[in-house]
PDB file of N, CA and C in Angstrom:
ATOM      1  N   MET A   1      62.245  81.544 104.783  1.00  0.00           N
ATOM      2  CA  MET A   1      62.193  81.643 103.472  1.00  0.00           C
ATOM      3  C   MET A   1      63.309  83.088 103.056  1.00  0.00           C
ATOM      4  N   ILE A   2      64.337  82.691 101.946  1.00  0.00           N
ATOM      5  CA  ILE A   2      65.382  83.644 101.971  1.00  0.00           C
ATOM      6  C   ILE A   2      64.875  85.172 100.871  1.00  0.00           C
ATOM      7  N   GLY A   3      65.265  86.051 101.396  1.00  0.00           N
ATOM      8  CA  GLY A   3      64.880  87.130 100.737  1.00  0.00           C
ATOM      9  C   GLY A   3      63.370  87.593 101.510  1.00  0.00           C
ATOM     10  N   LYS A   4      62.497  86.804 102.064  1.00  0.00           N
ATOM     11  CA  LYS A   4      61.438  87.324 103.032  1.00  0.00           C
ATOM     12  C   LYS A   4      61.602  88.870 103.286  1.00  0.00           C
ATOM     13  N   ASN A   5      62.671  88.941 104.115  1.00  0.00           N
ATOM     14  CA  ASN A   5      62.971  90.255 104.781  1.00  0.00           C
ATOM     15  C   ASN A   5      64.169  90.538 104.634  1.00  0.00           C
ATOM     16  N   ARG A   6      64.571  91.553 103.403  1.00  0.00           N
ATOM     17  CA  ARG A   6      65.417  91.879 103.000  1.00  0.00           C
ATOM     18  C   ARG A   6      66.217  92.788 104.114  1.00  0.00           C
ATOM     19  N   GLU A   7      65.373  93.361 104.774  1.00  0.00           N
ATOM     20  CA  GLU A   7      66.651  94.262 106.021  1.00  0.00           C
ATOM     21  C   GLU A   7      67.150  93.776 107.050  1.00  0.00           C
ATOM     22  N   GLU A   8      66.428  92.236 107.329  1.00  0.00           N
ATOM     23  CA  GLU A   8      67.189  91.607 108.400  1.00  0.00           C
ATOM     24  C   GLU A   8      68.147  91.206 108.064  1.00  0.00           C
ATOM     25  N   ASN A   9      69.790  91.624 109.149  1.00  0.00           N
ATOM     26  CA  ASN A   9      70.592  91.616 108.964  1.00  0.00           C
ATOM     27  C   ASN A   9      70.898  90.145 109.553  1.00  0.00           C
ATOM     28  N   ASN A  10      71.039  89.073 109.173  1.00  0.00           N
ATOM     29  CA  ASN A  10      71.423  87.632 109.896  1.00  0.00           C
ATOM     30  C   ASN A  10      73.148  87.452 109.723  1.00  0.00           C
ATOM     31  N   THR A  11      73.963  87.433 110.563  1.00  0.00           N
ATOM     32  CA  THR A  11      75.375  87.274 110.872  1.00  0.00           C
ATOM     33  C   THR A  11      75.830  86.283 111.318  1.00  0.00           C
ATOM     34  N   THR A  12      76.542  85.546 110.962  1.00  0.00           N
ATOM     35  CA  THR A  12      77.161  84.460 112.379  1.00  0.00           C
ATOM     36  C   THR A  12      78.794  84.799 111.981  1.00  0.00           C
ATOM     37  N   GLU A  13      79.176  84.621 113.287  1.00  0.00           N
ATOM     38  CA  GLU A  13      80.536  84.451 113.160  1.00  0.00           C
ATOM     39  C   GLU A  13      81.097  82.980 113.351  1.00  0.00           C
ATOM     40  N   ILE A  14      81.914  82.579 112.724  1.00  0.00           N
ATOM     41  CA  ILE A  14      82.556  81.093 112.523  1.00  0.00           C
ATOM     42  C   ILE A  14      83.852  81.372 112.611  1.00  0.00           C
ATOM     43  N   GLN A  15      84.289  80.414 113.536  1.00  0.00           N
ATOM     44  CA  GLN A  15      85.722  80.312 114.315  1.00  0.00           C
ATOM     45  C   GLN A  15      86.349  79.023 113.268  1.00  0.00           C
ATOM     46  N   GLN A  16      87.631  79.609 112.926  1.00  0.00           N
ATOM     47  CA  GLN A  16      87.827  78.392 111.948  1.00  0.00           C
ATOM     48  C   GLN A  16      89.471  78.033 112.447  1.00  0.00           C
ATOM     49  N   ASN A  17      89.896  76.988 112.501  1.00  0.00           N
ATOM     50  CA  ASN A  17      91.059  76.181 112.960  1.00  0.00           C
ATOM     51  C   ASN A  17      91.671  75.639 111.437  1.00  0.00           C
ATOM     52  N   TYR A  18      93.030  76.454 111.522  1.00  0.00           N
ATOM     53  CA  TYR A  18      93.931  76.059 109.777  1.00  0.00           C
ATOM     54  C   TYR A  18      94.682  74.684 110.278  1.00  0.00           C
ATOM     55  N   SER A  19      94.976  73.826 110.085  1.00  0.00           N
ATOM     56  CA  SER A  19      96.064  72.651 109.737  1.00  0.00           C
ATOM     57  C   SER A  19      96.682  72.749 108.898  1.00  0.00           C
ATOM     58  N   VAL A  20      98.268  72.578 108.815  1.00  0.00           N
ATOM     59  CA  VAL A  20      99.323  73.385 107.859  1.00  0.00           C
ATOM     60  C   VAL A  20     100.290  72.574 107.678  1.00  0.00           C
ATOM     61  N   LYS A  21     100.716  72.145 106.268  1.00  0.00           N
ATOM     62  CA  LYS A  21     101.700  71.302 106.389  1.00  0.00           C
ATOM     63  C   LYS A  21     102.257  71.509 104.964  1.00  0.00           C
ATOM     64  N   VAL A  22     103.678  72.235 105.630  1.00  0.00           N
ATOM     65  CA  VAL A  22     104.571  72.099 103.906  1.00  0.00           C
ATOM     66  C   VAL A  22     104.604  71.216 103.312  1.00  0.00           C
ATOM     67  N   LYS A  23     104.288  71.008 102.272  1.00  0.00           N
ATOM     68  CA  LYS A  23     104.860  70.146 101.455  1.00  0.00           C
ATOM     69  C   LYS A  23     106.473  69.781 100.633  1.00  0.00           C
ATOM     70  N   SER A  24     106.817  71.069 100.251  1.00  0.00           N
ATOM     71  CA  SER A  24     107.840  70.768  99.492  1.00  0.00           C
ATOM     72  C   SER A  24     108.106  72.452  99.392  1.00  0.00           C
ATOM     73  N   VAL A  25     109.674  72.614  99.453  1.00  0.00           N
ATOM     74  CA  VAL A  25     109.987  74.138  99.412  1.00  0.00           C
ATOM     75  C   VAL A  25     111.312  73.980  98.420  1.00  0.00           C
ATOM     76  N   LYS A  26     111.666  75.221  97.670  1.00  0.00           N
ATOM     77  CA  LYS A  26     112.896  75.235  96.909  1.00  0.00           C
ATOM     78  C   LYS A  26     113.156  76.387  97.333  1.00  0.00           C
ATOM     79  N   ALA A  27     114.160  76.551  96.930  1.00  0.00           N
ATOM     80  CA  ALA A  27     115.343  78.052  97.752  1.00  0.00           C
ATOM     81  C   ALA A  27     115.624  78.302  95.826  1.00  0.00           C
ATOM     82  N   VAL A  28     114.433  79.645  95.263  1.00  0.00           N
ATOM     83  CA  VAL A  28     115.099  80.120  94.648  1.00  0.00           C
ATOM     84  C   VAL A  28     116.041  81.304  93.800  1.00  0.00           C
ATOM     85  N   LYS A  29     116.447  81.622  95.133  1.00  0.00           N
ATOM     86  CA  LYS A  29     117.577  82.668  94.969  1.00  0.00           C
ATOM     87  C   LYS A  29     117.668  83.211  96.337  1.00  0.00           C
ATOM     88  N   GLN A  30     118.739  83.909  96.336  1.00  0.00           N
ATOM     89  CA  GLN A  30     119.166  83.984  98.248  1.00  0.00           C
ATOM     90  C   GLN A  30     117.823  84.992  98.899  1.00  0.00           C
ATOM     91  N   ASP A  31     117.351  84.395  99.792  1.00  0.00           N
ATOM     92  CA  ASP A  31     115.958  84.936 100.357  1.00  0.00           C
ATOM     93  C   ASP A  31     114.699  84.896  99.988  1.00  0.00           C
ATOM     94  N   VAL A  32     114.916  83.836  99.059  1.00  0.00           N
ATOM     95  CA  VAL A  32     113.123  84.042  98.032  1.00  0.00           C
ATOM     96  C   VAL A  32     113.141  82.549  97.811  1.00  0.00           C
ATOM     97  N   TYR A  33     112.272  81.946  98.516  1.00  0.00           N
ATOM     98  CA  TYR A  33     111.594  80.675  98.074  1.00  0.00           C
ATOM     99  C   TYR A  33     110.324  80.088  97.858  1.00  0.00           C
ATOM    100  N   ALA A  34     109.951  79.371  97.198  1.00  0.00           N
ATOM    101  CA  ALA A  34     108.825  78.488  96.259  1.00  0.00           C
ATOM    102  C   ALA A  34     108.573  77.434  97.251  1.00  0.00           C
ATOM    103  N   PHE A  35     107.362  77.387  97.643  1.00  0.00           N
ATOM    104  CA  PHE A  35     106.853  76.309  98.320  1.00  0.00           C
ATOM    105  C   PHE A  35     105.463  75.886  98.191  1.00  0.00           C
ATOM    106  N   THR A  36     104.422  74.916  98.759  1.00  0.00           N
ATOM    107  CA  THR A  36     103.565  74.110  98.160  1.00  0.00           C
ATOM    108  C   THR A  36     103.062  73.930  99.896  1.00  0.00           C
ATOM    109  N   MET A  37     101.806  73.952 100.262  1.00  0.00           N
ATOM    110  CA  MET A  37     101.319  73.833 101.353  1.00  0.00           C
ATOM    111  C   MET A  37      99.793  73.135 101.286  1.00  0.00           C
ATOM    112  N   THR A  38      99.903  72.225 102.629  1.00  0.00           N
ATOM    113  CA  THR A  38      98.270  72.085 102.255  1.00  0.00           C
ATOM    114  C   THR A  38      97.328  72.561 103.734  1.00  0.00           C
ATOM    115  N   VAL A  39      96.604  72.931 103.343  1.00  0.00           N
ATOM    116  CA  VAL A  39      95.598  73.173 104.733  1.00  0.00           C
ATOM    117  C   VAL A  39      94.446  73.440 104.649  1.00  0.00           C
ATOM    118  N   ASN A  40      94.004  72.505 105.500  1.00  0.00           N
ATOM    119  CA  ASN A  40      92.726  71.580 106.024  1.00  0.00           C
ATOM    120  C   ASN A  40      92.772  71.144 104.815  1.00  0.00           C
ATOM    121  N   GLY A  41      93.475  70.236 104.373  1.00  0.00           N
ATOM    122  CA  GLY A  41      93.551  69.076 103.343  1.00  0.00           C
ATOM    123  C   GLY A  41      93.363  69.687 101.893  1.00  0.00           C
ATOM    124  N   VAL A  42      93.423  71.074 101.532  1.00  0.00           N
ATOM    125  CA  VAL A  42      93.433  71.468 100.354  1.00  0.00           C
ATOM    126  C   VAL A  42      95.284  71.547 100.109  1.00  0.00           C
ATOM    127  N   THR A  43      95.048  71.346  98.787  1.00  0.00           N
ATOM    128  CA  THR A  43      96.910  71.865  98.801  1.00  0.00           C
ATOM    129  C   THR A  43      97.111  73.520  97.821  1.00  0.00           C
ATOM    130  N   ILE A  44      98.063  74.191  97.964  1.00  0.00           N
ATOM    131  CA  ILE A  44      98.184  75.376  97.550  1.00  0.00           C
ATOM    132  C   ILE A  44      99.206  74.807  96.930  1.00  0.00           C
ATOM    133  N   TYR A  45      99.735  75.840  95.370  1.00  0.00           N
ATOM    134  CA  TYR A  45     101.181  75.515  94.957  1.00  0.00           C
ATOM    135  C   TYR A  45     101.514  76.888  94.982  1.00  0.00           C
ATOM    136  N   ASN A  46     102.023  77.214  94.359  1.00  0.00           N
ATOM    137  CA  ASN A  46     103.182  78.383  94.236  1.00  0.00           C
ATOM    138  C   ASN A  46     102.833  79.699  95.174  1.00  0.00           C
ATOM    139  N   CYS A  47     103.490  78.852  96.378  1.00  0.00           N
ATOM    140  CA  CYS A  47     103.405  80.220  97.587  1.00  0.00           C
ATOM    141  C   CYS A  47     104.712  80.559  97.424  1.00  0.00           C
ATOM    142  N   TRP A  48     104.841  81.456  97.638  1.00  0.00           N
ATOM    143  CA  TRP A  48     106.288  82.215  98.303  1.00  0.00           C
ATOM    144  C   TRP A  48     106.661  82.660  99.706  1.00  0.00           C
ATOM    145  N   TYR A  49     107.863  82.953 100.138  1.00  0.00           N
ATOM    146  CA  TYR A  49     108.434  83.390 101.183  1.00  0.00           C
ATOM    147  C   TYR A  49     109.563  84.420 100.906  1.00  0.00           C
ATOM    148  N   ARG A  50     109.838  85.741 100.992  1.00  0.00           N
ATOM    149  CA  ARG A  50     111.100  86.389 100.998  1.00  0.00           C
ATOM    150  C   ARG A  50     111.006  87.160 102.551  1.00  0.00           C
ATOM    151  N   GLU A  51     112.411  87.390 102.383  1.00  0.00           N
ATOM    152  CA  GLU A  51     112.748  87.956 103.858  1.00  0.00           C
ATOM    153  C   GLU A  51     114.046  88.610 103.148  1.00  0.00           C
ATOM    154  N   GLY A  52     114.148  90.009 103.855  1.00  0.00           N
ATOM    155  CA  GLY A  52     115.173  90.992 103.687  1.00  0.00           C
ATOM    156  C   GLY A  52     115.124  92.194 105.090  1.00  0.00           C
ATOM    157  N   VAL A  53     116.466  93.172 104.407  1.00  0.00           N
ATOM    158  CA  VAL A  53     116.509  94.164 105.479  1.00  0.00           C
ATOM    159  C   VAL A  53     116.083  95.510 104.709  1.00  0.00           C
ATOM    160  N   LYS A  54     115.494  96.089 105.574  1.00  0.00           N
ATOM    161  CA  LYS A  54     115.020  97.703 104.852  1.00  0.00           C
ATOM    162  C   LYS A  54     115.065  99.030 106.121  1.00  0.00           C
ATOM    163  N   ASP A  55     115.928  99.684 105.563  1.00  0.00           N
ATOM    164  CA  ASP A  55     116.004 100.837 106.813  1.00  0.00           C
ATOM    165  C   ASP A  55     116.596 100.075 107.944  1.00  0.00           C
ATOM    166  N   GLY A  56     117.370  99.128 107.844  1.00  0.00           N
ATOM    167  CA  GLY A  56     118.070  98.212 109.458  1.00  0.00           C
ATOM    168  C   GLY A  56     116.819  97.544 109.783  1.00  0.00           C
ATOM    169  N   LYS A  57     115.516  97.288 109.280  1.00  0.00           N
ATOM    170  CA  LYS A  57     114.666  96.490 109.863  1.00  0.00           C
ATOM    171  C   LYS A  57     114.704  95.125 109.336  1.00  0.00           C
ATOM    172  N   GLU A  58     114.532  94.384 109.674  1.00  0.00           N
ATOM    173  CA  GLU A  58     114.450  92.790 109.558  1.00  0.00           C
ATOM    174  C   GLU A  58     112.681  92.450 108.435  1.00  0.00           C
ATOM    175  N   TRP A  59     112.496  92.109 107.868  1.00  0.00           N
ATOM    176  CA  TRP A  59     111.181  91.911 107.502  1.00  0.00           C
ATOM    177  C   TRP A  59     110.986  90.550 106.511  1.00  0.00           C
ATOM    178  N   SER A  60     109.785  90.167 106.830  1.00  0.00           N
ATOM    179  CA  SER A  60     109.307  88.753 105.859  1.00  0.00           C
ATOM    180  C   SER A  60     107.938  88.727 105.462  1.00  0.00           C
ATOM    181  N   ILE A  61     107.730  88.075 104.211  1.00  0.00           N
ATOM    182  CA  ILE A  61     106.074  88.337 103.864  1.00  0.00           C
ATOM    183  C   ILE A  61     105.909  86.916 102.918  1.00  0.00           C
ATOM    184  N   ILE A  62     105.066  86.182 103.508  1.00  0.00           N
ATOM    185  CA  ILE A  62     104.321  84.698 102.702  1.00  0.00           C
ATOM    186  C   ILE A  62     103.575  85.139 101.681  1.00  0.00           C
ATOM    187  N   SER A  63     103.327  84.951 100.540  1.00  0.00           N
ATOM    188  CA  SER A  63     102.523  85.359  99.725  1.00  0.00           C
ATOM    189  C   SER A  63     101.622  84.290  98.945  1.00  0.00           C
ATOM    190  N   PHE A  64     100.517  84.124  98.411  1.00  0.00           N
ATOM    191  CA  PHE A  64      99.541  82.963  97.722  1.00  0.00           C
ATOM    192  C   PHE A  64     100.184  83.382  96.207  1.00  0.00           C
ATOM    193  N   PRO A  65      99.566  82.373  95.697  1.00  0.00           N
ATOM    194  CA  PRO A  65      99.499  81.975  93.919  1.00  0.00           C
ATOM    195  C   PRO A  65      98.943  83.371  93.671  1.00  0.00           C
ATOM    196  N   ALA A  66      99.082  84.180  92.688  1.00  0.00           N
ATOM    197  CA  ALA A  66      97.975  85.354  91.961  1.00  0.00           C
ATOM    198  C   ALA A  66      98.592  85.507  90.399  1.00  0.00           C
ATOM    199  N   GLN A  67      97.479  86.634  90.011  1.00  0.00           N
ATOM    200  CA  GLN A  67      97.659  86.560  88.563  1.00  0.00           C
ATOM    201  C   GLN A  67      97.278  87.771  87.973  1.00  0.00           C
ATOM    202  N   LYS A  68      98.094  88.492  87.396  1.00  0.00           N
ATOM    203  CA  LYS A  68      97.868  89.795  86.919  1.00  0.00           C
ATOM    204  C   LYS A  68      96.478  90.283  86.125  1.00  0.00           C
ATOM    205  N   GLY A  69      95.898  90.876  86.995  1.00  0.00           N
ATOM    206  CA  GLY A  69      94.798  91.892  86.033  1.00  0.00           C
ATOM    207  C   GLY A  69      94.832  92.388  85.041  1.00  0.00           C
ATOM    208  N   SER A  70      93.831  92.826  84.164  1.00  0.00           N
ATOM    209  CA  SER A  70      93.950  93.581  83.319  1.00  0.00           C
ATOM    210  C   SER A  70      94.285  95.320  83.115  1.00  0.00           C
ATOM    211  N   ASN A  71      93.968  95.413  85.139  1.00  0.00           N
ATOM    212  CA  ASN A  71      94.597  96.427  85.302  1.00  0.00           C
ATOM    213  C   ASN A  71      96.107  96.933  85.913  1.00  0.00           C
ATOM    214  N   GLY A  72      96.640  95.963  85.399  1.00  0.00           N
ATOM    215  CA  GLY A  72      97.798  95.492  85.733  1.00  0.00           C
ATOM    216  C   GLY A  72      98.511  95.631  87.633  1.00  0.00           C
ATOM    217  N   LYS A  73      97.184  95.135  88.125  1.00  0.00           N
ATOM    218  CA  LYS A  73      97.231  94.746  90.215  1.00  0.00           C
ATOM    219  C   LYS A  73      97.286  92.899  89.790  1.00  0.00           C
ATOM    220  N   TYR A  74      98.117  92.442  90.628  1.00  0.00           N
ATOM    221  CA  TYR A  74      98.132  91.368  91.369  1.00  0.00           C
ATOM    222  C   TYR A  74      97.209  91.295  91.884  1.00  0.00           C
ATOM    223  N   TYR A  75      96.327  89.426  91.937  1.00  0.00           N
ATOM    224  CA  TYR A  75      94.846  89.673  92.510  1.00  0.00           C
ATOM    225  C   TYR A  75      95.557  87.634  93.041  1.00  0.00           C
ATOM    226  N   ASN A  76      95.129  87.574  94.254  1.00  0.00           N
ATOM    227  CA  ASN A  76      95.664  86.265  94.678  1.00  0.00           C
ATOM    228  C   ASN A  76      94.098  85.275  94.597  1.00  0.00           C
ATOM    229  N   HIS A  77      94.671  84.115  93.939  1.00  0.00           N
ATOM    230  CA  HIS A  77      94.085  83.255  93.820  1.00  0.00           C
ATOM    231  C   HIS A  77      93.101  82.561  94.933  1.00  0.00           C
ATOM    232  N   VAL A  78      93.752  81.890  96.168  1.00  0.00           N
ATOM    233  CA  VAL A  78      93.257  82.083  97.471  1.00  0.00           C
ATOM    234  C   VAL A  78      94.102  82.708  98.550  1.00  0.00           C
ATOM    235  N   SER A  79      93.445  82.699  99.671  1.00  0.00           N
ATOM    236  CA  SER A  79      94.155  83.279 101.101  1.00  0.00           C
ATOM    237  C   SER A  79      93.368  82.784 101.928  1.00  0.00           C
ATOM    238  N   PHE A  80      94.212  82.864 103.017  1.00  0.00           N
ATOM    239  CA  PHE A  80      93.476  82.476 104.389  1.00  0.00           C
ATOM    240  C   PHE A  80      93.951  83.433 105.696  1.00  0.00           C
ATOM    241  N   PRO A  81      93.448  83.434 106.849  1.00  0.00           N
ATOM    242  CA  PRO A  81      94.409  84.409 107.534  1.00  0.00           C
ATOM    243  C   PRO A  81      95.754  83.743 108.132  1.00  0.00           C
ATOM    244  N   ILE A  82      96.694  84.025 107.890  1.00  0.00           N
ATOM    245  CA  ILE A  82      98.371  83.241 108.192  1.00  0.00           C
ATOM    246  C   ILE A  82      98.922  84.536 109.156  1.00  0.00           C
ATOM    247  N   SER A  83      98.827  85.344 109.894  1.00  0.00           N
ATOM    248  CA  SER A  83      99.534  86.379 110.870  1.00  0.00           C
ATOM    249  C   SER A  83      99.535  84.723 112.282  1.00  0.00           C
ATOM    250  N   ASP A  84      98.806  84.144 112.377  1.00  0.00           N
ATOM    251  CA  ASP A  84      99.244  83.270 113.848  1.00  0.00           C
ATOM    252  C   ASP A  84      99.842  82.015 112.787  1.00  0.00           C
ATOM    253  N   LEU A  85      99.751  81.714 111.978  1.00  0.00           N
ATOM    254  CA  LEU A  85     100.665  80.669 111.390  1.00  0.00           C
ATOM    255  C   LEU A  85     102.032  80.541 110.671  1.00  0.00           C
ATOM    256  N   LYS A  86     102.436  81.872 110.401  1.00  0.00           N
ATOM    257  CA  LYS A  86     103.599  82.168 109.595  1.00  0.00           C
ATOM    258  C   LYS A  86     104.555  81.245 110.621  1.00  0.00           C
ATOM    259  N   THR A  87     105.022  81.335 111.629  1.00  0.00           N
ATOM    260  CA  THR A  87     106.282  81.070 112.607  1.00  0.00           C
ATOM    261  C   THR A  87     105.824  79.678 111.921  1.00  0.00           C
ATOM    262  N   GLU A  88     105.049  78.910 112.307  1.00  0.00           N
ATOM    263  CA  GLU A  88     104.885  77.529 112.184  1.00  0.00           C
ATOM    264  C   GLU A  88     105.301  77.198 110.571  1.00  0.00           C
ATOM    265  N   ILE A  89     104.707  77.844 109.266  1.00  0.00           N
ATOM    266  CA  ILE A  89     105.264  77.546 108.394  1.00  0.00           C
ATOM    267  C   ILE A  89     106.825  77.835 108.198  1.00  0.00           C
ATOM    268  N   ILE A  90     106.925  79.071 108.499  1.00  0.00           N
ATOM    269  CA  ILE A  90     108.741  79.135 108.208  1.00  0.00           C
ATOM    270  C   ILE A  90     109.397  77.786 109.106  1.00  0.00           C
ATOM    271  N   ARG A  91     109.020  77.587 110.258  1.00  0.00           N
ATOM    272  CA  ARG A  91     109.686  76.394 111.142  1.00  0.00           C
ATOM    273  C   ARG A  91     109.916  75.369 109.904  1.00  0.00           C
ATOM    274  N   GLN A  92     108.549  75.112 110.024  1.00  0.00           N
ATOM    275  CA  GLN A  92     108.535  73.696 108.120  1.00  0.00           C
ATOM    276  C   GLN A  92     109.347  73.819 107.503  1.00  0.00           C
ATOM    277  N   MET A  93     109.074  75.095 106.906  1.00  0.00           N
ATOM    278  CA  MET A  93     109.974  75.258 105.967  1.00  0.00           C
ATOM    279  C   MET A  93     111.515  74.844 105.555  1.00  0.00           C
ATOM    280  N   GLU A  94     112.140  75.679 107.159  1.00  0.00           N
ATOM    281  CA  GLU A  94     113.815  75.493 107.749  1.00  0.00           C
ATOM    282  C   GLU A  94     113.638  74.192 107.781  1.00  0.00           C
ATOM    283  N   SER A  95     112.869  73.332 108.341  1.00  0.00           N
ATOM    284  CA  SER A  95     112.991  71.984 108.717  1.00  0.00           C
ATOM    285  C   SER A  95     113.358  70.872 107.395  1.00  0.00           C
ATOM    286  N   LEU A  96     112.742  71.367 106.235  1.00  0.00           N
ATOM    287  CA  LEU A  96     112.940  70.604 104.938  1.00  0.00           C
ATOM    288  C   LEU A  96     114.090  71.287 104.368  1.00  0.00           C
ATOM    289  N   LEU A  97     114.508  72.450 104.451  1.00  0.00           N
ATOM    290  CA  LEU A  97     115.572  72.637 103.373  1.00  0.00           C
ATOM    291  C   LEU A  97     116.786  72.381 104.695  1.00  0.00           C
ATOM    292  N   GLY A  98     116.684  71.734 105.830  1.00  0.00           N
ATOM    293  CA  GLY A  98     117.988  71.411 107.119  1.00  0.00           C
ATOM    294  C   GLY A  98     118.500  72.544 107.279  1.00  0.00           C
ATOM    295  N   GLY A  99     117.553  73.682 107.579  1.00  0.00           N
ATOM    296  CA  GLY A  99     118.067  74.896 108.704  1.00  0.00           C
ATOM    297  C   GLY A  99     118.648  75.677 107.442  1.00  0.00           C
ATOM    298  N   TRP A 100     117.798  77.047 107.524  1.00  0.00           N
ATOM    299  CA  TRP A 100     118.475  77.686 106.384  1.00  0.00           C
ATOM    300  C   TRP A 100     118.746  79.183 107.045  1.00  0.00           C
ATOM    301  N   TYR A 101     118.327  78.796 108.438  1.00  0.00           N
ATOM    302  CA  TYR A 101     118.966  80.109 109.134  1.00  0.00           C
ATOM    303  C   TYR A 101     120.967  80.061 109.853  1.00  0.00           C
ATOM    304  N   GLU A 102     120.734  78.664 109.935  1.00  0.00           N
ATOM    305  CA  GLU A 102     122.416  78.610 110.133  1.00  0.00           C
ATOM    306  C   GLU A 102     123.033  79.318 109.826  1.00  0.00           C
TER     307      GLU A 102
END
């Protein structure tokens, strides 16, 4: 019964595999790209990829669609662990654009 023993803490760790397919990508300006991807069958619109150099170090970031809250901070509408998939997402975007790094 749910709530029978509130002190009992049952946690289950679930391993999740993600299947990612970049559907479209558009160069917005130099080093800024808007893209749409499907993750495990769910389409996520208005994702962003940005890259640059700061203090001599290259950086890049993928961000999810977000909305500004009443406190002025931005909050993602959706997210998932992306670190293991970042290289694959960038590869798919590059392929759709015909190789932006060349």
